[in-house]
Amino acid sequence: MFGDYRPIQTATAVFKLEVGSQGVAETKDSDDALHYMVKKGHLDEYIHMMNEKGYVLKEKDIDHNRLVFNDGQEDEQIYYKRFARQYTMIDGEG
């Protein structure tokens, strides 16, 4: 079920989304790469978090599961995919 993601960290992220009041939860994969998790259909929670960090959404490419943000200097592409039917796993920002 967890694939390349760390089971305990991923289960903790699911717990934070379901029981806690978090809209976005962090987890890591087996290579220690940072990922974010949101409930399916709630990408706006991640977009809001990125806005608070100073990034502006430039493009939302649903066909390729890609968000493009700009921090005022350069564009950054963020990819996401469905995870366990109820969640969306988002690659961590560069």
PDB file of N, CA and C in Angstrom:
ATOM      1  N   MET A   1       0.818  -1.197   0.000  1.00  0.00           N
ATOM      2  CA  MET A   1       0.000   0.000   0.000  1.00  0.00           C
ATOM      3  C   MET A   1       0.863   1.264   0.000  1.00  0.00           C
ATOM      4  N   PHE A   2       1.976   1.247   0.723  1.00  0.00           N
ATOM      5  CA  PHE A   2       2.760   2.461   0.863  1.00  0.00           C
ATOM      6  C   PHE A   2       3.806   2.636  -0.234  1.00  0.00           C
ATOM      7  N   GLY A   3       4.128   1.600  -0.966  1.00  0.00           N
ATOM      8  CA  GLY A   3       5.086   1.708  -2.060  1.00  0.00           C
ATOM      9  C   GLY A   3       6.440   2.179  -1.572  1.00  0.00           C
ATOM     10  N   ASP A   4       6.943   3.260  -2.147  1.00  0.00           N
ATOM     11  CA  ASP A   4       8.243   3.812  -1.772  1.00  0.00           C
ATOM     12  C   ASP A   4       8.175   4.742  -0.561  1.00  0.00           C
ATOM     13  N   TYR A   5       6.991   4.960  -0.036  1.00  0.00           N
ATOM     14  CA  TYR A   5       6.831   5.877   1.093  1.00  0.00           C
ATOM     15  C   TYR A   5       7.035   5.135   2.410  1.00  0.00           C
ATOM     16  N   ARG A   6       7.492   5.863   3.400  1.00  0.00           N
ATOM     17  CA  ARG A   6       7.714   5.269   4.724  1.00  0.00           C
ATOM     18  C   ARG A   6       6.369   5.051   5.406  1.00  0.00           C
ATOM     19  N   PRO A   7       6.070   3.810   5.790  1.00  0.00           N
ATOM     20  CA  PRO A   7       4.744   3.482   6.317  1.00  0.00           C
ATOM     21  C   PRO A   7       4.335   4.269   7.560  1.00  0.00           C
ATOM     22  N   ILE A   8       5.212   4.388   8.530  1.00  0.00           N
ATOM     23  CA  ILE A   8       4.844   5.074   9.774  1.00  0.00           C
ATOM     24  C   ILE A   8       4.628   6.564   9.523  1.00  0.00           C
ATOM     25  N   GLN A   9       5.520   7.197   8.758  1.00  0.00           N
ATOM     26  CA  GLN A   9       5.350   8.623   8.463  1.00  0.00           C
ATOM     27  C   GLN A   9       4.104   8.872   7.624  1.00  0.00           C
ATOM     28  N   THR A  10       3.838   7.980   6.677  1.00  0.00           N
ATOM     29  CA  THR A  10       2.668   8.141   5.829  1.00  0.00           C
ATOM     30  C   THR A  10       1.385   7.919   6.625  1.00  0.00           C
ATOM     31  N   ALA A  11       1.379   6.929   7.497  1.00  0.00           N
ATOM     32  CA  ALA A  11       0.207   6.708   8.355  1.00  0.00           C
ATOM     33  C   ALA A  11      -0.016   7.902   9.286  1.00  0.00           C
ATOM     34  N   THR A  12       1.062   8.491   9.779  1.00  0.00           N
ATOM     35  CA  THR A  12       0.954   9.689  10.612  1.00  0.00           C
ATOM     36  C   THR A  12       0.361  10.847   9.810  1.00  0.00           C
ATOM     37  N   ALA A  13       0.778  10.985   8.560  1.00  0.00           N
ATOM     38  CA  ALA A  13       0.239  12.046   7.700  1.00  0.00           C
ATOM     39  C   ALA A  13      -1.262  11.840   7.480  1.00  0.00           C
ATOM     40  N   VAL A  14      -1.673  10.601   7.231  1.00  0.00           N
ATOM     41  CA  VAL A  14      -3.101  10.300   7.057  1.00  0.00           C
ATOM     42  C   VAL A  14      -3.856  10.633   8.335  1.00  0.00           C
ATOM     43  N   PHE A  15      -3.301  10.281   9.478  1.00  0.00           N
ATOM     44  CA  PHE A  15      -3.933  10.585  10.764  1.00  0.00           C
ATOM     45  C   PHE A  15      -4.125  12.095  10.924  1.00  0.00           C
ATOM     46  N   LYS A  16      -3.092  12.870  10.578  1.00  0.00           N
ATOM     47  CA  LYS A  16      -3.181  14.328  10.701  1.00  0.00           C
ATOM     48  C   LYS A  16      -4.268  14.898   9.800  1.00  0.00           C
ATOM     49  N   LEU A  17      -4.447  14.318   8.625  1.00  0.00           N
ATOM     50  CA  LEU A  17      -5.486  14.793   7.707  1.00  0.00           C
ATOM     51  C   LEU A  17      -6.883  14.393   8.174  1.00  0.00           C
ATOM     52  N   GLU A  18      -7.007  13.186   8.688  1.00  0.00           N
ATOM     53  CA  GLU A  18      -8.316  12.664   9.067  1.00  0.00           C
ATOM     54  C   GLU A  18      -8.768  13.095  10.455  1.00  0.00           C
ATOM     55  N   VAL A  19      -7.879  13.045  11.422  1.00  0.00           N
ATOM     56  CA  VAL A  19      -8.258  13.322  12.812  1.00  0.00           C
ATOM     57  C   VAL A  19      -7.832  14.724  13.233  1.00  0.00           C
ATOM     58  N   GLY A  20      -6.653  15.123  12.809  1.00  0.00           N
ATOM     59  CA  GLY A  20      -6.166  16.457  13.146  1.00  0.00           C
ATOM     60  C   GLY A  20      -6.845  17.510  12.302  1.00  0.00           C
ATOM     61  N   SER A  21      -6.464  18.722  12.513  1.00  0.00           N
ATOM     62  CA  SER A  21      -7.095  19.817  11.777  1.00  0.00           C
ATOM     63  C   SER A  21      -6.217  20.300  10.622  1.00  0.00           C
ATOM     64  N   GLN A  22      -5.248  19.477  10.219  1.00  0.00           N
ATOM     65  CA  GLN A  22      -4.346  19.884   9.151  1.00  0.00           C
ATOM     66  C   GLN A  22      -4.963  19.618   7.780  1.00  0.00           C
ATOM     67  N   GLY A  23      -4.745  20.553   6.863  1.00  0.00           N
ATOM     68  CA  GLY A  23      -5.194  20.363   5.487  1.00  0.00           C
ATOM     69  C   GLY A  23      -4.096  19.788   4.622  1.00  0.00           C
ATOM     70  N   VAL A  24      -2.832  19.968   5.073  1.00  0.00           N
ATOM     71  CA  VAL A  24      -1.666  19.465   4.357  1.00  0.00           C
ATOM     72  C   VAL A  24      -0.763  18.782   5.381  1.00  0.00           C
ATOM     73  N   ALA A  25      -0.307  17.575   5.053  1.00  0.00           N
ATOM     74  CA  ALA A  25       0.583  16.839   5.950  1.00  0.00           C
ATOM     75  C   ALA A  25       1.856  16.460   5.199  1.00  0.00           C
ATOM     76  N   GLU A  26       2.981  16.453   5.906  1.00  0.00           N
ATOM     77  CA  GLU A  26       4.271  16.097   5.307  1.00  0.00           C
ATOM     78  C   GLU A  26       4.579  14.625   5.546  1.00  0.00           C
ATOM     79  N   THR A  27       5.287  14.028   4.593  1.00  0.00           N
ATOM     80  CA  THR A  27       5.802  12.672   4.737  1.00  0.00           C
ATOM     81  C   THR A  27       7.070  12.571   3.897  1.00  0.00           C
ATOM     82  N   LYS A  28       7.788  11.469   4.029  1.00  0.00           N
ATOM     83  CA  LYS A  28       9.013  11.256   3.252  1.00  0.00           C
ATOM     84  C   LYS A  28       8.975   9.886   2.618  1.00  0.00           C
ATOM     85  N   ASP A  29       9.721   9.746   1.537  1.00  0.00           N
ATOM     86  CA  ASP A  29       9.827   8.434   0.915  1.00  0.00           C
ATOM     87  C   ASP A  29      11.090   7.739   1.405  1.00  0.00           C
ATOM     88  N   SER A  30      11.383   6.577   0.846  1.00  0.00           N
ATOM     89  CA  SER A  30      12.525   5.790   1.308  1.00  0.00           C
ATOM     90  C   SER A  30      13.865   6.468   1.039  1.00  0.00           C
ATOM     91  N   ASP A  31      13.889   7.466   0.156  1.00  0.00           N
ATOM     92  CA  ASP A  31      15.113   8.220  -0.131  1.00  0.00           C
ATOM     93  C   ASP A  31      15.188   9.535   0.653  1.00  0.00           C
ATOM     94  N   ASP A  32      14.305   9.708   1.627  1.00  0.00           N
ATOM     95  CA  ASP A  32      14.205  10.923   2.444  1.00  0.00           C
ATOM     96  C   ASP A  32      13.761  12.154   1.665  1.00  0.00           C
ATOM     97  N   ALA A  33      13.153  11.973   0.505  1.00  0.00           N
ATOM     98  CA  ALA A  33      12.607  13.107  -0.251  1.00  0.00           C
ATOM     99  C   ALA A  33      11.276  13.519   0.379  1.00  0.00           C
ATOM    100  N   LEU A  34      11.084  14.810   0.541  1.00  0.00           N
ATOM    101  CA  LEU A  34       9.888  15.359   1.162  1.00  0.00           C
ATOM    102  C   LEU A  34       8.705  15.311   0.196  1.00  0.00           C
ATOM    103  N   HIS A  35       7.549  14.926   0.717  1.00  0.00           N
ATOM    104  CA  HIS A  35       6.295  14.923  -0.031  1.00  0.00           C
ATOM    105  C   HIS A  35       5.219  15.509   0.858  1.00  0.00           C
ATOM    106  N   TYR A  36       4.191  16.030   0.223  1.00  0.00           N
ATOM    107  CA  TYR A  36       3.039  16.546   0.950  1.00  0.00           C
ATOM    108  C   TYR A  36       1.828  15.725   0.571  1.00  0.00           C
ATOM    109  N   MET A  37       0.902  15.586   1.514  1.00  0.00           N
ATOM    110  CA  MET A  37      -0.306  14.823   1.274  1.00  0.00           C
ATOM    111  C   MET A  37      -1.510  15.684   1.616  1.00  0.00           C
ATOM    112  N   VAL A  38      -2.517  15.629   0.741  1.00  0.00           N
ATOM    113  CA  VAL A  38      -3.797  16.294   0.988  1.00  0.00           C
ATOM    114  C   VAL A  38      -4.900  15.291   0.676  1.00  0.00           C
ATOM    115  N   LYS A  39      -6.092  15.573   1.166  1.00  0.00           N
ATOM    116  CA  LYS A  39      -7.219  14.727   0.806  1.00  0.00           C
ATOM    117  C   LYS A  39      -7.510  14.918  -0.681  1.00  0.00           C
ATOM    118  N   LYS A  40      -8.007  13.874  -1.315  1.00  0.00           N
ATOM    119  CA  LYS A  40      -8.334  13.925  -2.738  1.00  0.00           C
ATOM    120  C   LYS A  40      -9.294  15.085  -3.013  1.00  0.00           C
ATOM    121  N   GLY A  41      -8.952  15.879  -4.018  1.00  0.00           N
ATOM    122  CA  GLY A  41      -9.793  17.020  -4.377  1.00  0.00           C
ATOM    123  C   GLY A  41      -9.502  18.279  -3.587  1.00  0.00           C
ATOM    124  N   HIS A  42      -8.468  18.262  -2.759  1.00  0.00           N
ATOM    125  CA  HIS A  42      -8.158  19.409  -1.904  1.00  0.00           C
ATOM    126  C   HIS A  42      -6.782  20.011  -2.223  1.00  0.00           C
ATOM    127  N   LEU A  43      -6.436  20.075  -3.497  1.00  0.00           N
ATOM    128  CA  LEU A  43      -5.158  20.694  -3.883  1.00  0.00           C
ATOM    129  C   LEU A  43      -5.093  22.156  -3.468  1.00  0.00           C
ATOM    130  N   ASP A  44      -6.259  22.793  -3.323  1.00  0.00           N
ATOM    131  CA  ASP A  44      -6.281  24.189  -2.911  1.00  0.00           C
ATOM    132  C   ASP A  44      -5.624  24.403  -1.554  1.00  0.00           C
ATOM    133  N   GLU A  45      -5.650  23.383  -0.688  1.00  0.00           N
ATOM    134  CA  GLU A  45      -4.971  23.474   0.614  1.00  0.00           C
ATOM    135  C   GLU A  45      -3.464  23.625   0.410  1.00  0.00           C
ATOM    136  N   TYR A  46      -2.918  22.844  -0.517  1.00  0.00           N
ATOM    137  CA  TYR A  46      -1.482  22.920  -0.817  1.00  0.00           C
ATOM    138  C   TYR A  46      -1.155  24.252  -1.493  1.00  0.00           C
ATOM    139  N   ILE A  47      -2.001  24.685  -2.412  1.00  0.00           N
ATOM    140  CA  ILE A  47      -1.784  25.959  -3.102  1.00  0.00           C
ATOM    141  C   ILE A  47      -1.770  27.107  -2.096  1.00  0.00           C
ATOM    142  N   HIS A  48      -2.676  27.071  -1.132  1.00  0.00           N
ATOM    143  CA  HIS A  48      -2.717  28.100  -0.084  1.00  0.00           C
ATOM    144  C   HIS A  48      -1.427  28.090   0.743  1.00  0.00           C
ATOM    145  N   MET A  49      -0.939  26.885   1.084  1.00  0.00           N
ATOM    146  CA  MET A  49       0.313  26.775   1.841  1.00  0.00           C
ATOM    147  C   MET A  49       1.471  27.388   1.050  1.00  0.00           C
ATOM    148  N   MET A  50       1.518  27.111  -0.246  1.00  0.00           N
ATOM    149  CA  MET A  50       2.579  27.658  -1.092  1.00  0.00           C
ATOM    150  C   MET A  50       2.470  29.180  -1.193  1.00  0.00           C
ATOM    151  N   ASN A  51       1.244  29.703  -1.259  1.00  0.00           N
ATOM    152  CA  ASN A  51       1.046  31.158  -1.279  1.00  0.00           C
ATOM    153  C   ASN A  51       1.616  31.801  -0.026  1.00  0.00           C
ATOM    154  N   GLU A  52       1.427  31.142   1.115  1.00  0.00           N
ATOM    155  CA  GLU A  52       1.964  31.663   2.369  1.00  0.00           C
ATOM    156  C   GLU A  52       3.494  31.660   2.378  1.00  0.00           C
ATOM    157  N   LYS A  53       4.108  30.776   1.601  1.00  0.00           N
ATOM    158  CA  LYS A  53       5.566  30.713   1.495  1.00  0.00           C
ATOM    159  C   LYS A  53       6.106  31.681   0.444  1.00  0.00           C
ATOM    160  N   GLY A  54       5.224  32.423  -0.215  1.00  0.00           N
ATOM    161  CA  GLY A  54       5.659  33.414  -1.190  1.00  0.00           C
ATOM    162  C   GLY A  54       5.592  32.967  -2.640  1.00  0.00           C
ATOM    163  N   TYR A  55       4.975  31.827  -2.902  1.00  0.00           N
ATOM    164  CA  TYR A  55       4.825  31.320  -4.266  1.00  0.00           C
ATOM    165  C   TYR A  55       3.438  31.670  -4.793  1.00  0.00           C
ATOM    166  N   VAL A  56       3.368  31.958  -6.087  1.00  0.00           N
ATOM    167  CA  VAL A  56       2.100  32.271  -6.730  1.00  0.00           C
ATOM    168  C   VAL A  56       1.826  31.194  -7.772  1.00  0.00           C
ATOM    169  N   LEU A  57       0.615  30.664  -7.765  1.00  0.00           N
ATOM    170  CA  LEU A  57       0.244  29.652  -8.748  1.00  0.00           C
ATOM    171  C   LEU A  57       0.175  30.297 -10.121  1.00  0.00           C
ATOM    172  N   LYS A  58       0.936  29.777 -11.034  1.00  0.00           N
ATOM    173  CA  LYS A  58       0.988  30.301 -12.400  1.00  0.00           C
ATOM    174  C   LYS A  58       0.156  29.443 -13.343  1.00  0.00           C
ATOM    175  N   GLU A  59       0.176  28.127 -13.120  1.00  0.00           N
ATOM    176  CA  GLU A  59      -0.538  27.209 -14.010  1.00  0.00           C
ATOM    177  C   GLU A  59      -0.955  25.961 -13.246  1.00  0.00           C
ATOM    178  N   LYS A  60      -2.167  25.483 -13.552  1.00  0.00           N
ATOM    179  CA  LYS A  60      -2.663  24.225 -12.982  1.00  0.00           C
ATOM    180  C   LYS A  60      -2.969  23.307 -14.162  1.00  0.00           C
ATOM    181  N   ASP A  61      -2.079  22.361 -14.415  1.00  0.00           N
ATOM    182  CA  ASP A  61      -2.172  21.461 -15.555  1.00  0.00           C
ATOM    183  C   ASP A  61      -2.729  20.113 -15.088  1.00  0.00           C
ATOM    184  N   ILE A  62      -4.045  19.983 -15.120  1.00  0.00           N
ATOM    185  CA  ILE A  62      -4.711  18.789 -14.622  1.00  0.00           C
ATOM    186  C   ILE A  62      -4.404  17.577 -15.495  1.00  0.00           C
ATOM    187  N   ASP A  63      -4.224  17.786 -16.795  1.00  0.00           N
ATOM    188  CA  ASP A  63      -3.941  16.668 -17.708  1.00  0.00           C
ATOM    189  C   ASP A  63      -2.626  15.972 -17.380  1.00  0.00           C
ATOM    190  N   HIS A  64      -1.659  16.720 -16.861  1.00  0.00           N
ATOM    191  CA  HIS A  64      -0.343  16.161 -16.558  1.00  0.00           C
ATOM    192  C   HIS A  64      -0.039  16.122 -15.061  1.00  0.00           C
ATOM    193  N   ASN A  65      -1.067  16.353 -14.227  1.00  0.00           N
ATOM    194  CA  ASN A  65      -0.902  16.350 -12.763  1.00  0.00           C
ATOM    195  C   ASN A  65       0.263  17.231 -12.335  1.00  0.00           C
ATOM    196  N   ARG A  66       0.203  18.488 -12.749  1.00  0.00           N
ATOM    197  CA  ARG A  66       1.326  19.395 -12.521  1.00  0.00           C
ATOM    198  C   ARG A  66       0.808  20.771 -12.112  1.00  0.00           C
ATOM    199  N   LEU A  67       1.490  21.348 -11.131  1.00  0.00           N
ATOM    200  CA  LEU A  67       1.249  22.732 -10.727  1.00  0.00           C
ATOM    201  C   LEU A  67       2.522  23.510 -11.009  1.00  0.00           C
ATOM    202  N   VAL A  68       2.382  24.721 -11.516  1.00  0.00           N
ATOM    203  CA  VAL A  68       3.544  25.565 -11.763  1.00  0.00           C
ATOM    204  C   VAL A  68       3.413  26.797 -10.880  1.00  0.00           C
ATOM    205  N   PHE A  69       4.413  27.000 -10.047  1.00  0.00           N
ATOM    206  CA  PHE A  69       4.450  28.145  -9.144  1.00  0.00           C
ATOM    207  C   PHE A  69       5.583  29.069  -9.540  1.00  0.00           C
ATOM    208  N   ASN A  70       5.442  30.342  -9.178  1.00  0.00           N
ATOM    209  CA  ASN A  70       6.511  31.307  -9.402  1.00  0.00           C
ATOM    210  C   ASN A  70       6.783  32.009  -8.083  1.00  0.00           C
ATOM    211  N   ASP A  71       8.077  32.159  -7.766  1.00  0.00           N
ATOM    212  CA  ASP A  71       8.460  32.830  -6.520  1.00  0.00           C
ATOM    213  C   ASP A  71       8.941  34.252  -6.767  1.00  0.00           C
ATOM    214  N   GLY A  72       8.651  34.778  -7.949  1.00  0.00           N
ATOM    215  CA  GLY A  72       9.085  36.127  -8.288  1.00  0.00           C
ATOM    216  C   GLY A  72      10.337  36.131  -9.134  1.00  0.00           C
ATOM    217  N   GLN A  73      11.067  35.023  -9.151  1.00  0.00           N
ATOM    218  CA  GLN A  73      12.296  34.938  -9.926  1.00  0.00           C
ATOM    219  C   GLN A  73      12.234  33.825 -10.963  1.00  0.00           C
ATOM    220  N   GLU A  74      11.761  32.661 -10.561  1.00  0.00           N
ATOM    221  CA  GLU A  74      11.718  31.542 -11.503  1.00  0.00           C
ATOM    222  C   GLU A  74      10.509  30.664 -11.244  1.00  0.00           C
ATOM    223  N   ASP A  75      10.153  29.860 -12.249  1.00  0.00           N
ATOM    224  CA  ASP A  75       9.035  28.933 -12.136  1.00  0.00           C
ATOM    225  C   ASP A  75       9.501  27.619 -11.522  1.00  0.00           C
ATOM    226  N   GLU A  76       8.608  27.001 -10.780  1.00  0.00           N
ATOM    227  CA  GLU A  76       8.895  25.698 -10.199  1.00  0.00           C
ATOM    228  C   GLU A  76       7.718  24.776 -10.480  1.00  0.00           C
ATOM    229  N   GLN A  77       8.007  23.628 -11.086  1.00  0.00           N
ATOM    230  CA  GLN A  77       6.975  22.650 -11.400  1.00  0.00           C
ATOM    231  C   GLN A  77       6.867  21.634 -10.271  1.00  0.00           C
ATOM    232  N   ILE A  78       5.646  21.396  -9.827  1.00  0.00           N
ATOM    233  CA  ILE A  78       5.374  20.448  -8.765  1.00  0.00           C
ATOM    234  C   ILE A  78       4.407  19.405  -9.328  1.00  0.00           C
ATOM    235  N   TYR A  79       4.763  18.143  -9.198  1.00  0.00           N
ATOM    236  CA  TYR A  79       3.916  17.059  -9.693  1.00  0.00           C
ATOM    237  C   TYR A  79       3.183  16.390  -8.537  1.00  0.00           C
ATOM    238  N   TYR A  80       2.020  15.874  -8.837  1.00  0.00           N
ATOM    239  CA  TYR A  80       1.224  15.186  -7.832  1.00  0.00           C
ATOM    240  C   TYR A  80       0.581  13.952  -8.447  1.00  0.00           C
ATOM    241  N   LYS A  81       0.161  13.027  -7.565  1.00  0.00           N
ATOM    242  CA  LYS A  81      -0.517  11.827  -8.039  1.00  0.00           C
ATOM    243  C   LYS A  81      -1.469  11.326  -6.966  1.00  0.00           C
ATOM    244  N   ARG A  82      -2.402  10.527  -7.394  1.00  0.00           N
ATOM    245  CA  ARG A  82      -3.371   9.938  -6.474  1.00  0.00           C
ATOM    246  C   ARG A  82      -2.657   8.942  -5.570  1.00  0.00           C
ATOM    247  N   PHE A  83      -3.077   8.885  -4.323  1.00  0.00           N
ATOM    248  CA  PHE A  83      -2.483   7.958  -3.365  1.00  0.00           C
ATOM    249  C   PHE A  83      -3.604   7.316  -2.553  1.00  0.00           C
ATOM    250  N   ALA A  84      -3.677   6.011  -2.590  1.00  0.00           N
ATOM    251  CA  ALA A  84      -4.628   5.235  -1.779  1.00  0.00           C
ATOM    252  C   ALA A  84      -6.074   5.720  -1.910  1.00  0.00           C
ATOM    253  N   ARG A  85      -6.499   6.022  -3.107  1.00  0.00           N
ATOM    254  CA  ARG A  85      -7.865   6.409  -3.475  1.00  0.00           C
ATOM    255  C   ARG A  85      -8.386   7.692  -2.841  1.00  0.00           C
ATOM    256  N   GLN A  86      -8.031   7.970  -1.607  1.00  0.00           N
ATOM    257  CA  GLN A  86      -8.625   9.099  -0.893  1.00  0.00           C
ATOM    258  C   GLN A  86      -7.688  10.295  -0.758  1.00  0.00           C
ATOM    259  N   TYR A  87      -6.473  10.169  -1.232  1.00  0.00           N
ATOM    260  CA  TYR A  87      -5.479  11.215  -0.986  1.00  0.00           C
ATOM    261  C   TYR A  87      -4.710  11.567  -2.258  1.00  0.00           C
ATOM    262  N   THR A  88      -4.047  12.687  -2.199  1.00  0.00           N
ATOM    263  CA  THR A  88      -3.162  13.121  -3.279  1.00  0.00           C
ATOM    264  C   THR A  88      -1.787  13.324  -2.679  1.00  0.00           C
ATOM    265  N   MET A  89      -0.773  12.719  -3.296  1.00  0.00           N
ATOM    266  CA  MET A  89       0.603  12.856  -2.864  1.00  0.00           C
ATOM    267  C   MET A  89       1.285  13.863  -3.780  1.00  0.00           C
ATOM    268  N   ILE A  90       1.924  14.860  -3.191  1.00  0.00           N
ATOM    269  CA  ILE A  90       2.529  15.960  -3.929  1.00  0.00           C
ATOM    270  C   ILE A  90       4.036  15.935  -3.690  1.00  0.00           C
ATOM    271  N   ASP A  91       4.793  16.009  -4.786  1.00  0.00           N
ATOM    272  CA  ASP A  91       6.253  16.074  -4.651  1.00  0.00           C
ATOM    273  C   ASP A  91       6.624  17.310  -3.856  1.00  0.00           C
ATOM    274  N   GLY A  92       7.630  17.197  -3.014  1.00  0.00           N
ATOM    275  CA  GLY A  92       8.071  18.328  -2.215  1.00  0.00           C
ATOM    276  C   GLY A  92       8.668  19.417  -3.085  1.00  0.00           C
ATOM    277  N   GLU A  93       8.572  20.645  -2.614  1.00  0.00           N
ATOM    278  CA  GLU A  93       9.138  21.759  -3.384  1.00  0.00           C
ATOM    279  C   GLU A  93      10.652  21.659  -3.391  1.00  0.00           C
ATOM    280  N   GLY A  94      11.260  22.084  -4.498  1.00  0.00           N
ATOM    281  CA  GLY A  94      12.681  21.984  -4.739  1.00  0.00           C
ATOM    282  C   GLY A  94      13.508  22.571  -3.687  1.00  0.00           C
TER     283      GLY A  94
END
